[in-house]
Amino acid sequence: MRGRTDLAVEMKEDIQSDEPITGVHVMTKNNGDSDIKEVRIVVENEQGAMSLGKPVGTYITLESEHLREHDEGFHEPMAEVLARHIRQFIGNKKRIMVAGLGNREVTPDALGPFVIDNLYVTRHLLKEGIISKSVEISAIAPGVMAQTGMESVTILKALVKEIKPELLIVIDALAARDSDRLNKTIQLADTGITPGSGVGNHRNAINEESIGVPVIAIGVPTVIAVPTIVNDAMDMMVTAIGRQGTKNVLKKFSEEERYQLACEMVTPYLENMFVTPKDIDEAVKRISYTISEAINQAALA
């Protein structure tokens, strides 16, 4: 294990091969005007799922350096690109529930609840006849087990049974393996999500099998494991020192062995610790607004 990650694009990068992966199709697109890189990974069958370590389905990654900058002008183009992909997943569905997973009181985990705060919710307006032409949007921020005593999947399953949406969109903070992807990457997937999997805090999966309706997952990596940072620092140290002997020694280690070495270099307490950028409060507020606007645009188109 090279370090925990929720990103399909990073799991694809782990596969050290120039040959195409059977059952996995990858397409990359660079939008020059908006500086947004799009990577679409389609896991076509079970063989591809076993190779990549992700369920069969479609994973779309949007990346841009501008997403982590205080650039209000970039909000609109990123929201438009994200809305286009969400719209493709929504299709002709007219009743949508959006769930903002995570803990509002823990900033790196507050992405989901913050997205809910900015959604244009329409279910009650339609029922009361205030509006007539709109997709039905309902929303919930179910909190975390420590707050409710219930897993998110339990709450959402009950709500889906009562509200009967045609589609569930879940928003959650993710973990990345590459620090360069923090707060600049958005992942969409039509396979649902397993909350907490990236930080080793596994909960029951929220997907079509467990919920009963199709599930779209939208996430942004906001944290990274300490051993991963140590591993990256080892690379930088070797490059800076430039000692050929040290380089040769490290080249003998596989990626997995190097990550294990990084784990051994930190205390057991730090081995399971995740860190986040110091400007995470502003980043989460900014990115959550971009995601909510994209969902609004996609649903109201």
C-alpha atoms as a PDB file:
ATOM      1  CA  MET A   1       0.000   0.000   0.000  1.00  0.00           C
ATOM      2  CA  ARG A   2       1.480   3.341  -1.072  1.00  0.00           C
ATOM      3  CA  GLY A   3      -0.857   5.374   1.081  1.00  0.00           C
ATOM      4  CA  ARG A   4      -4.590   5.751   1.291  1.00  0.00           C
ATOM      5  CA  THR A   5      -6.512   7.476  -1.478  1.00  0.00           C
ATOM      6  CA  ASP A   6     -10.089   7.798  -2.681  1.00  0.00           C
ATOM      7  CA  LEU A   7      -9.111   8.959  -6.162  1.00  0.00           C
ATOM      8  CA  ALA A   8      -9.452   6.593  -9.113  1.00  0.00           C
ATOM      9  CA  VAL A   9      -6.861   8.601 -11.049  1.00  0.00           C
ATOM     10  CA  GLU A  10      -4.245   7.945  -8.355  1.00  0.00           C
ATOM     11  CA  MET A  11      -5.066   4.243  -8.268  1.00  0.00           C
ATOM     12  CA  LYS A  12      -4.584   4.193 -12.035  1.00  0.00           C
ATOM     13  CA  GLU A  13      -1.171   5.859 -11.588  1.00  0.00           C
ATOM     14  CA  ASP A  14      -0.183   3.049  -9.212  1.00  0.00           C
ATOM     15  CA  ILE A  15      -0.316   0.545 -12.056  1.00  0.00           C
ATOM     16  CA  GLN A  16       3.201   0.646 -13.452  1.00  0.00           C
ATOM     17  CA  SER A  17       2.539  -0.257 -17.065  1.00  0.00           C
ATOM     18  CA  ASP A  18       2.586   1.555 -20.379  1.00  0.00           C
ATOM     19  CA  GLU A  19       0.184  -1.018 -21.810  1.00  0.00           C
ATOM     20  CA  PRO A  20      -3.593  -0.486 -21.683  1.00  0.00           C
ATOM     21  CA  ILE A  21      -5.270  -2.128 -18.689  1.00  0.00           C
ATOM     22  CA  THR A  22      -7.777  -4.756 -19.720  1.00  0.00           C
ATOM     23  CA  GLY A  23     -11.243  -3.584 -18.767  1.00  0.00           C
ATOM     24  CA  VAL A  24     -10.157  -0.006 -17.993  1.00  0.00           C
ATOM     25  CA  HIS A  25     -10.507   2.816 -20.508  1.00  0.00           C
ATOM     26  CA  VAL A  26      -8.821   6.179 -19.824  1.00  0.00           C
ATOM     27  CA  MET A  27      -9.434   9.445 -21.669  1.00  0.00           C
ATOM     28  CA  THR A  28      -7.700  12.755 -20.913  1.00  0.00           C
ATOM     29  CA  LYS A  29      -8.782  16.203 -22.063  1.00  0.00           C
ATOM     30  CA  ASN A  30      -7.185  19.586 -21.420  1.00  0.00           C
ATOM     31  CA  ASN A  31      -9.372  22.675 -21.645  1.00  0.00           C
ATOM     32  CA  GLY A  32      -6.925  25.351 -22.664  1.00  0.00           C
ATOM     33  CA  ASP A  33      -9.284  28.282 -22.160  1.00  0.00           C
ATOM     34  CA  SER A  34     -10.182  27.429 -18.573  1.00  0.00           C
ATOM     35  CA  ASP A  35      -7.035  25.467 -17.612  1.00  0.00           C
ATOM     36  CA  ILE A  36      -9.109  22.506 -16.446  1.00  0.00           C
ATOM     37  CA  LYS A  37      -7.776  18.980 -16.947  1.00  0.00           C
ATOM     38  CA  GLU A  38     -10.395  16.261 -17.301  1.00  0.00           C
ATOM     39  CA  VAL A  39      -9.598  12.577 -16.849  1.00  0.00           C
ATOM     40  CA  ARG A  40     -12.373  10.040 -17.495  1.00  0.00           C
ATOM     41  CA  ILE A  41     -11.732   6.493 -16.286  1.00  0.00           C
ATOM     42  CA  VAL A  42     -14.278   3.863 -17.262  1.00  0.00           C
ATOM     43  CA  VAL A  43     -14.027   0.516 -15.473  1.00  0.00           C
ATOM     44  CA  GLU A  44     -15.818  -1.716 -17.945  1.00  0.00           C
ATOM     45  CA  ASN A  45     -15.898  -5.120 -16.253  1.00  0.00           C
ATOM     46  CA  GLU A  46     -14.900  -7.097 -13.177  1.00  0.00           C
ATOM     47  CA  GLN A  47     -11.409  -7.734 -14.527  1.00  0.00           C
ATOM     48  CA  GLY A  48     -10.871  -3.988 -14.784  1.00  0.00           C
ATOM     49  CA  ALA A  49     -12.335  -3.515 -11.310  1.00  0.00           C
ATOM     50  CA  MET A  50      -9.855  -6.006  -9.848  1.00  0.00           C
ATOM     51  CA  SER A  51      -6.928  -4.342 -11.638  1.00  0.00           C
ATOM     52  CA  LEU A  52      -7.833  -0.817 -10.586  1.00  0.00           C
ATOM     53  CA  GLY A  53      -9.324  -1.578  -7.176  1.00  0.00           C
ATOM     54  CA  LYS A  54     -12.500   0.368  -7.958  1.00  0.00           C
ATOM     55  CA  PRO A  55     -16.032  -0.893  -8.764  1.00  0.00           C
ATOM     56  CA  VAL A  56     -17.301  -1.056 -12.337  1.00  0.00           C
ATOM     57  CA  GLY A  57     -18.423   2.414 -13.403  1.00  0.00           C
ATOM     58  CA  THR A  58     -17.296   5.842 -14.586  1.00  0.00           C
ATOM     59  CA  TYR A  59     -14.902   8.127 -12.681  1.00  0.00           C
ATOM     60  CA  ILE A  60     -14.326  11.701 -13.823  1.00  0.00           C
ATOM     61  CA  THR A  61     -11.553  13.824 -12.324  1.00  0.00           C
ATOM     62  CA  LEU A  62     -11.407  17.601 -12.838  1.00  0.00           C
ATOM     63  CA  GLU A  63      -8.162  19.325 -11.869  1.00  0.00           C
ATOM     64  CA  SER A  64      -7.033  22.937 -11.935  1.00  0.00           C
ATOM     65  CA  GLU A  65      -4.539  24.960  -9.955  1.00  0.00           C
ATOM     66  CA  HIS A  66      -7.027  27.835  -9.968  1.00  0.00           C
ATOM     67  CA  LEU A  67      -9.441  25.837  -7.805  1.00  0.00           C
ATOM     68  CA  ARG A  68      -7.214  26.332  -4.762  1.00  0.00           C
ATOM     69  CA  GLU A  69      -6.561  29.990  -5.464  1.00  0.00           C
ATOM     70  CA  HIS A  70      -8.611  32.981  -4.281  1.00  0.00           C
ATOM     71  CA  ASP A  71      -9.826  33.538  -7.830  1.00  0.00           C
ATOM     72  CA  GLU A  72     -13.530  34.291  -7.906  1.00  0.00           C
ATOM     73  CA  GLY A  73     -13.421  34.549 -11.687  1.00  0.00           C
ATOM     74  CA  PHE A  74     -12.568  30.844 -11.947  1.00  0.00           C
ATOM     75  CA  HIS A  75     -15.690  29.773 -10.071  1.00  0.00           C
ATOM     76  CA  GLU A  76     -17.949  30.126 -13.115  1.00  0.00           C
ATOM     77  CA  PRO A  77     -16.001  28.059 -15.691  1.00  0.00           C
ATOM     78  CA  MET A  78     -15.322  25.225 -13.215  1.00  0.00           C
ATOM     79  CA  ALA A  79     -18.994  25.183 -12.178  1.00  0.00           C
ATOM     80  CA  GLU A  80     -20.011  25.006 -15.853  1.00  0.00           C
ATOM     81  CA  VAL A  81     -17.694  22.084 -16.611  1.00  0.00           C
ATOM     82  CA  LEU A  82     -18.786  20.252 -13.471  1.00  0.00           C
ATOM     83  CA  ALA A  83     -22.460  20.926 -14.263  1.00  0.00           C
ATOM     84  CA  ARG A  84     -22.018  19.442 -17.730  1.00  0.00           C
ATOM     85  CA  HIS A  85     -20.788  16.151 -16.299  1.00  0.00           C
ATOM     86  CA  ILE A  86     -23.425  16.074 -13.552  1.00  0.00           C
ATOM     87  CA  ARG A  87     -26.106  16.694 -16.175  1.00  0.00           C
ATOM     88  CA  GLN A  88     -24.917  13.661 -18.132  1.00  0.00           C
ATOM     89  CA  PHE A  89     -25.236  11.501 -15.024  1.00  0.00           C
ATOM     90  CA  ILE A  90     -28.683  12.910 -14.178  1.00  0.00           C
ATOM     91  CA  GLY A  91     -30.134  12.260 -17.625  1.00  0.00           C
ATOM     92  CA  ASN A  92     -33.928  12.577 -17.628  1.00  0.00           C
ATOM     93  CA  LYS A  93     -34.419  12.060 -13.897  1.00  0.00           C
ATOM     94  CA  LYS A  94     -36.721  14.622 -12.269  1.00  0.00           C
ATOM     95  CA  ARG A  95     -36.571  13.767  -8.550  1.00  0.00           C
ATOM     96  CA  ILE A  96     -33.132  14.150  -6.978  1.00  0.00           C
ATOM     97  CA  MET A  97     -31.963  13.965  -3.392  1.00  0.00           C
ATOM     98  CA  VAL A  98     -28.598  15.489  -2.422  1.00  0.00           C
ATOM     99  CA  ALA A  99     -26.786  14.322   0.720  1.00  0.00           C
ATOM    100  CA  GLY A 100     -23.898  16.309   2.178  1.00  0.00           C
ATOM    101  CA  LEU A 101     -21.830  13.773   4.123  1.00  0.00           C
ATOM    102  CA  GLY A 102     -19.331  14.705   6.818  1.00  0.00           C
ATOM    103  CA  ASN A 103     -19.004  16.636  10.046  1.00  0.00           C
ATOM    104  CA  ARG A 104     -19.813  20.336   9.846  1.00  0.00           C
ATOM    105  CA  GLU A 105     -17.738  20.966  12.992  1.00  0.00           C
ATOM    106  CA  VAL A 106     -14.514  19.553  11.456  1.00  0.00           C
ATOM    107  CA  THR A 107     -13.466  21.867   8.644  1.00  0.00           C
ATOM    108  CA  PRO A 108     -11.706  19.358   6.322  1.00  0.00           C
ATOM    109  CA  ASP A 109     -14.796  17.141   6.613  1.00  0.00           C
ATOM    110  CA  ALA A 110     -17.381  19.924   6.207  1.00  0.00           C
ATOM    111  CA  LEU A 111     -17.513  19.987   2.391  1.00  0.00           C
ATOM    112  CA  GLY A 112     -20.789  18.059   2.146  1.00  0.00           C
ATOM    113  CA  PRO A 113     -22.799  20.110   4.675  1.00  0.00           C
ATOM    114  CA  PHE A 114     -21.482  23.357   3.152  1.00  0.00           C
ATOM    115  CA  VAL A 115     -22.668  22.279  -0.307  1.00  0.00           C
ATOM    116  CA  ILE A 116     -26.153  21.674   1.101  1.00  0.00           C
ATOM    117  CA  ASP A 117     -26.183  25.230   2.517  1.00  0.00           C
ATOM    118  CA  ASN A 118     -25.989  26.721  -0.992  1.00  0.00           C
ATOM    119  CA  LEU A 119     -28.327  24.382  -2.874  1.00  0.00           C
ATOM    120  CA  TYR A 120     -31.523  25.611  -4.468  1.00  0.00           C
ATOM    121  CA  VAL A 121     -33.936  23.137  -2.847  1.00  0.00           C
ATOM    122  CA  THR A 122     -37.250  22.896  -4.717  1.00  0.00           C
ATOM    123  CA  ARG A 123     -39.231  19.938  -3.356  1.00  0.00           C
ATOM    124  CA  HIS A 124     -41.330  22.024  -0.948  1.00  0.00           C
ATOM    125  CA  LEU A 125     -41.808  24.792  -3.521  1.00  0.00           C
ATOM    126  CA  LEU A 126     -43.202  22.321  -6.043  1.00  0.00           C
ATOM    127  CA  LYS A 127     -45.508  20.721  -3.508  1.00  0.00           C
ATOM    128  CA  GLU A 128     -46.883  24.108  -2.447  1.00  0.00           C
ATOM    129  CA  GLY A 129     -47.352  25.252  -6.045  1.00  0.00           C
ATOM    130  CA  ILE A 130     -44.938  28.172  -5.709  1.00  0.00           C
ATOM    131  CA  ILE A 131     -43.029  26.975  -8.775  1.00  0.00           C
ATOM    132  CA  SER A 132     -44.108  24.562 -11.469  1.00  0.00           C
ATOM    133  CA  LYS A 133     -41.261  23.908 -13.897  1.00  0.00           C
ATOM    134  CA  SER A 134     -38.278  22.515 -12.062  1.00  0.00           C
ATOM    135  CA  VAL A 135     -36.487  19.330 -11.112  1.00  0.00           C
ATOM    136  CA  GLU A 136     -37.476  18.252  -7.603  1.00  0.00           C
ATOM    137  CA  ILE A 137     -34.461  18.759  -5.340  1.00  0.00           C
ATOM    138  CA  SER A 138     -34.428  17.654  -1.700  1.00  0.00           C
ATOM    139  CA  ALA A 139     -31.351  17.829   0.528  1.00  0.00           C
ATOM    140  CA  ILE A 140     -30.006  16.458   3.799  1.00  0.00           C
ATOM    141  CA  ALA A 141     -26.794  16.713   5.836  1.00  0.00           C
ATOM    142  CA  PRO A 142     -27.060  13.520   7.939  1.00  0.00           C
ATOM    143  CA  GLY A 143     -24.008  14.188  10.100  1.00  0.00           C
ATOM    144  CA  VAL A 144     -21.659  11.407  11.221  1.00  0.00           C
ATOM    145  CA  MET A 145     -22.084   8.372  13.432  1.00  0.00           C
ATOM    146  CA  ALA A 146     -20.483  10.096  16.428  1.00  0.00           C
ATOM    147  CA  GLN A 147     -23.261  12.701  16.274  1.00  0.00           C
ATOM    148  CA  THR A 148     -26.265  10.513  15.429  1.00  0.00           C
ATOM    149  CA  GLY A 149     -25.386   6.957  16.457  1.00  0.00           C
ATOM    150  CA  MET A 150     -26.408   5.870  12.972  1.00  0.00           C
ATOM    151  CA  GLU A 151     -24.464   5.229   9.792  1.00  0.00           C
ATOM    152  CA  SER A 152     -25.211   7.610   6.940  1.00  0.00           C
ATOM    153  CA  VAL A 153     -26.413   4.744   4.762  1.00  0.00           C
ATOM    154  CA  THR A 154     -29.084   3.878   7.349  1.00  0.00           C
ATOM    155  CA  ILE A 155     -30.439   7.442   7.394  1.00  0.00           C
ATOM    156  CA  LEU A 156     -30.342   7.816   3.616  1.00  0.00           C
ATOM    157  CA  LYS A 157     -31.971   4.459   2.970  1.00  0.00           C
ATOM    158  CA  ALA A 158     -34.924   5.450   5.176  1.00  0.00           C
ATOM    159  CA  LEU A 159     -35.227   8.847   3.478  1.00  0.00           C
ATOM    160  CA  VAL A 160     -35.079   7.346  -0.004  1.00  0.00           C
ATOM    161  CA  LYS A 161     -37.868   4.952   0.931  1.00  0.00           C
ATOM    162  CA  GLU A 162     -40.021   7.873   2.124  1.00  0.00           C
ATOM    163  CA  ILE A 163     -39.145  10.582  -0.437  1.00  0.00           C
ATOM    164  CA  LYS A 164     -38.698   8.217  -3.405  1.00  0.00           C
ATOM    165  CA  PRO A 165     -36.084  10.141  -5.425  1.00  0.00           C
ATOM    166  CA  GLU A 166     -34.934   8.749  -8.768  1.00  0.00           C
ATOM    167  CA  LEU A 167     -31.302   9.621  -8.017  1.00  0.00           C
ATOM    168  CA  LEU A 168     -29.132  10.283  -4.967  1.00  0.00           C
ATOM    169  CA  ILE A 169     -26.131  12.632  -5.163  1.00  0.00           C
ATOM    170  CA  VAL A 170     -23.701  12.346  -2.247  1.00  0.00           C
ATOM    171  CA  ILE A 171     -20.993  14.910  -1.499  1.00  0.00           C
ATOM    172  CA  ASP A 172     -18.018  14.057   0.689  1.00  0.00           C
ATOM    173  CA  ALA A 173     -14.453  15.080   1.493  1.00  0.00           C
ATOM    174  CA  LEU A 174     -11.818  12.627   0.238  1.00  0.00           C
ATOM    175  CA  ALA A 175      -8.221  11.643   0.946  1.00  0.00           C
ATOM    176  CA  ALA A 176      -5.458  11.995  -1.650  1.00  0.00           C
ATOM    177  CA  ARG A 177      -2.081  10.350  -1.971  1.00  0.00           C
ATOM    178  CA  ASP A 178      -0.474  13.265  -3.837  1.00  0.00           C
ATOM    179  CA  SER A 179      -0.395  16.519  -1.857  1.00  0.00           C
ATOM    180  CA  ASP A 180      -0.520  18.443  -5.132  1.00  0.00           C
ATOM    181  CA  ARG A 181      -4.123  17.293  -5.601  1.00  0.00           C
ATOM    182  CA  LEU A 182      -5.438  18.706  -2.331  1.00  0.00           C
ATOM    183  CA  ASN A 183      -8.173  21.327  -2.833  1.00  0.00           C
ATOM    184  CA  LYS A 184      -7.643  21.415  -6.601  1.00  0.00           C
ATOM    185  CA  THR A 185      -9.334  18.179  -7.672  1.00  0.00           C
ATOM    186  CA  ILE A 186     -12.983  17.188  -7.965  1.00  0.00           C
ATOM    187  CA  GLN A 187     -13.974  13.560  -8.566  1.00  0.00           C
ATOM    188  CA  LEU A 188     -17.357  12.395  -9.843  1.00  0.00           C
ATOM    189  CA  ALA A 189     -18.378   8.740  -9.926  1.00  0.00           C
ATOM    190  CA  ASP A 190     -21.570   6.850 -10.697  1.00  0.00           C
ATOM    191  CA  THR A 191     -20.600   4.014  -8.348  1.00  0.00           C
ATOM    192  CA  GLY A 192     -21.538   5.611  -5.031  1.00  0.00           C
ATOM    193  CA  ILE A 193     -19.141   5.991  -2.137  1.00  0.00           C
ATOM    194  CA  THR A 194     -17.799   4.283   0.978  1.00  0.00           C
ATOM    195  CA  PRO A 195     -17.558   7.094   3.569  1.00  0.00           C
ATOM    196  CA  GLY A 196     -14.225   7.273   5.397  1.00  0.00           C
ATOM    197  CA  SER A 197     -12.505   4.655   3.242  1.00  0.00           C
ATOM    198  CA  GLY A 198      -9.637   6.978   2.313  1.00  0.00           C
ATOM    199  CA  VAL A 199      -8.731   7.570   5.953  1.00  0.00           C
ATOM    200  CA  GLY A 200      -9.172   3.949   7.015  1.00  0.00           C
ATOM    201  CA  ASN A 201     -12.488   4.619   8.783  1.00  0.00           C
ATOM    202  CA  HIS A 202     -14.674   2.325   6.704  1.00  0.00           C
ATOM    203  CA  ARG A 203     -18.446   2.626   6.814  1.00  0.00           C
ATOM    204  CA  ASN A 204     -21.050   0.757   4.814  1.00  0.00           C
ATOM    205  CA  ALA A 205     -21.124   1.715   1.159  1.00  0.00           C
ATOM    206  CA  ILE A 206     -23.719   4.128  -0.168  1.00  0.00           C
ATOM    207  CA  ASN A 207     -24.542   2.830  -3.633  1.00  0.00           C
ATOM    208  CA  GLU A 208     -27.446   1.612  -5.719  1.00  0.00           C
ATOM    209  CA  GLU A 209     -27.288  -1.842  -4.158  1.00  0.00           C
ATOM    210  CA  SER A 210     -27.586  -0.527  -0.587  1.00  0.00           C
ATOM    211  CA  ILE A 211     -29.878   2.459  -1.220  1.00  0.00           C
ATOM    212  CA  GLY A 212     -32.141   1.215  -4.002  1.00  0.00           C
ATOM    213  CA  VAL A 213     -31.599   4.096  -6.465  1.00  0.00           C
ATOM    214  CA  PRO A 214     -28.610   5.157  -8.596  1.00  0.00           C
ATOM    215  CA  VAL A 215     -25.973   7.088  -6.614  1.00  0.00           C
ATOM    216  CA  ILE A 216     -23.607   9.759  -7.925  1.00  0.00           C
ATOM    217  CA  ALA A 217     -20.655  10.647  -5.685  1.00  0.00           C
ATOM    218  CA  ILE A 218     -18.869  14.008  -5.815  1.00  0.00           C
ATOM    219  CA  GLY A 219     -15.776  14.528  -3.694  1.00  0.00           C
ATOM    220  CA  VAL A 220     -12.755  16.749  -3.161  1.00  0.00           C
ATOM    221  CA  PRO A 221      -9.516  15.568  -1.489  1.00  0.00           C
ATOM    222  CA  THR A 222      -8.875  17.719   1.575  1.00  0.00           C
ATOM    223  CA  VAL A 223      -6.490  15.533   3.615  1.00  0.00           C
ATOM    224  CA  ILE A 224      -3.347  13.461   3.134  1.00  0.00           C
ATOM    225  CA  ALA A 225      -1.660  10.855   5.353  1.00  0.00           C
ATOM    226  CA  VAL A 226       1.477  11.818   7.296  1.00  0.00           C
ATOM    227  CA  PRO A 227       3.534   8.811   6.017  1.00  0.00           C
ATOM    228  CA  THR A 228       2.774   9.943   2.457  1.00  0.00           C
ATOM    229  CA  ILE A 229       4.252  13.352   3.225  1.00  0.00           C
ATOM    230  CA  VAL A 230       7.332  11.678   4.733  1.00  0.00           C
ATOM    231  CA  ASN A 231       7.678   9.552   1.610  1.00  0.00           C
ATOM    232  CA  ASP A 232       7.489  12.658  -0.609  1.00  0.00           C
ATOM    233  CA  ALA A 233      10.031  14.412   1.622  1.00  0.00           C
ATOM    234  CA  MET A 234      12.445  11.516   1.131  1.00  0.00           C
ATOM    235  CA  ASP A 235      12.251  12.066  -2.628  1.00  0.00           C
ATOM    236  CA  MET A 236      12.923  15.772  -2.258  1.00  0.00           C
ATOM    237  CA  MET A 237      15.787  15.157   0.166  1.00  0.00           C
ATOM    238  CA  VAL A 238      17.529  12.724  -2.149  1.00  0.00           C
ATOM    239  CA  THR A 239      17.146  15.077  -5.096  1.00  0.00           C
ATOM    240  CA  ALA A 240      18.466  18.017  -3.110  1.00  0.00           C
ATOM    241  CA  ILE A 241      21.452  16.141  -1.685  1.00  0.00           C
ATOM    242  CA  GLY A 242      22.199  14.457  -4.965  1.00  0.00           C
ATOM    243  CA  ARG A 243      24.203  11.628  -3.461  1.00  0.00           C
ATOM    244  CA  GLN A 244      24.340   8.838  -5.976  1.00  0.00           C
ATOM    245  CA  GLY A 245      24.739   6.172  -3.328  1.00  0.00           C
ATOM    246  CA  THR A 246      21.576   7.243  -1.530  1.00  0.00           C
ATOM    247  CA  LYS A 247      19.643   7.299  -4.802  1.00  0.00           C
ATOM    248  CA  ASN A 248      20.772   3.808  -5.681  1.00  0.00           C
ATOM    249  CA  VAL A 249      19.701   2.478  -2.291  1.00  0.00           C
ATOM    250  CA  LEU A 250      16.216   3.981  -2.548  1.00  0.00           C
ATOM    251  CA  LYS A 251      15.796   2.719  -6.121  1.00  0.00           C
ATOM    252  CA  LYS A 252      15.977  -0.820  -4.772  1.00  0.00           C
ATOM    253  CA  PHE A 253      12.730  -0.287  -2.840  1.00  0.00           C
ATOM    254  CA  SER A 254       9.333  -0.710  -4.457  1.00  0.00           C
ATOM    255  CA  GLU A 255       6.693   1.980  -3.941  1.00  0.00           C
ATOM    256  CA  GLU A 256       4.989  -0.215  -1.359  1.00  0.00           C
ATOM    257  CA  GLU A 257       8.279  -0.833   0.480  1.00  0.00           C
ATOM    258  CA  ARG A 258       9.086   2.867   0.489  1.00  0.00           C
ATOM    259  CA  TYR A 259       5.695   3.708   1.955  1.00  0.00           C
ATOM    260  CA  GLN A 260       6.209   1.071   4.647  1.00  0.00           C
ATOM    261  CA  LEU A 261       9.620   2.607   5.400  1.00  0.00           C
ATOM    262  CA  ALA A 262       7.930   6.003   5.722  1.00  0.00           C
ATOM    263  CA  CYS A 263       5.443   4.486   8.184  1.00  0.00           C
ATOM    264  CA  GLU A 264       8.309   3.124  10.262  1.00  0.00           C
ATOM    265  CA  MET A 265      10.003   6.535  10.310  1.00  0.00           C
ATOM    266  CA  VAL A 266       7.072   8.101  12.186  1.00  0.00           C
ATOM    267  CA  THR A 267       5.573   7.154  15.524  1.00  0.00           C
ATOM    268  CA  PRO A 268       2.549   4.816  15.594  1.00  0.00           C
ATOM    269  CA  TYR A 269       0.430   7.834  16.535  1.00  0.00           C
ATOM    270  CA  LEU A 270       1.542   9.792  13.470  1.00  0.00           C
ATOM    271  CA  GLU A 271       1.206   6.779  11.168  1.00  0.00           C
ATOM    272  CA  ASN A 272      -2.575   7.061  11.311  1.00  0.00           C
ATOM    273  CA  MET A 273      -2.699  10.847  11.285  1.00  0.00           C
ATOM    274  CA  PHE A 274      -4.004  12.919   8.368  1.00  0.00           C
ATOM    275  CA  VAL A 275      -3.180  16.568   7.768  1.00  0.00           C
ATOM    276  CA  THR A 276      -4.778  19.345   5.760  1.00  0.00           C
ATOM    277  CA  PRO A 277      -3.602  22.703   4.320  1.00  0.00           C
ATOM    278  CA  LYS A 278      -3.732  25.675   6.696  1.00  0.00           C
ATOM    279  CA  ASP A 279      -6.174  27.573   4.453  1.00  0.00           C
ATOM    280  CA  ILE A 280      -8.653  24.690   4.468  1.00  0.00           C
ATOM    281  CA  ASP A 281     -11.476  26.811   5.914  1.00  0.00           C
ATOM    282  CA  GLU A 282     -11.488  29.212   2.975  1.00  0.00           C
ATOM    283  CA  ALA A 283     -10.862  26.433   0.461  1.00  0.00           C
ATOM    284  CA  VAL A 284     -13.801  24.326   1.642  1.00  0.00           C
ATOM    285  CA  LYS A 285     -16.163  27.307   1.589  1.00  0.00           C
ATOM    286  CA  ARG A 286     -15.045  28.306  -1.900  1.00  0.00           C
ATOM    287  CA  ILE A 287     -15.115  24.818  -3.440  1.00  0.00           C
ATOM    288  CA  SER A 288     -18.403  23.869  -1.777  1.00  0.00           C
ATOM    289  CA  TYR A 289     -20.012  26.902  -3.394  1.00  0.00           C
ATOM    290  CA  THR A 290     -18.648  25.871  -6.797  1.00  0.00           C
ATOM    291  CA  ILE A 291     -20.092  22.371  -6.394  1.00  0.00           C
ATOM    292  CA  SER A 292     -23.492  23.620  -5.214  1.00  0.00           C
ATOM    293  CA  GLU A 293     -23.705  26.018  -8.152  1.00  0.00           C
ATOM    294  CA  ALA A 294     -22.822  23.186 -10.542  1.00  0.00           C
ATOM    295  CA  ILE A 295     -25.615  21.003  -9.113  1.00  0.00           C
ATOM    296  CA  ASN A 296     -28.043  23.937  -9.336  1.00  0.00           C
ATOM    297  CA  GLN A 297     -27.112  24.532 -12.970  1.00  0.00           C
ATOM    298  CA  ALA A 298     -27.310  20.831 -13.864  1.00  0.00           C
ATOM    299  CA  ALA A 299     -30.691  20.317 -12.190  1.00  0.00           C
ATOM    300  CA  LEU A 300     -32.304  23.479 -13.542  1.00  0.00           C
ATOM    301  CA  ALA A 301     -31.032  23.196 -17.118  1.00  0.00           C
END
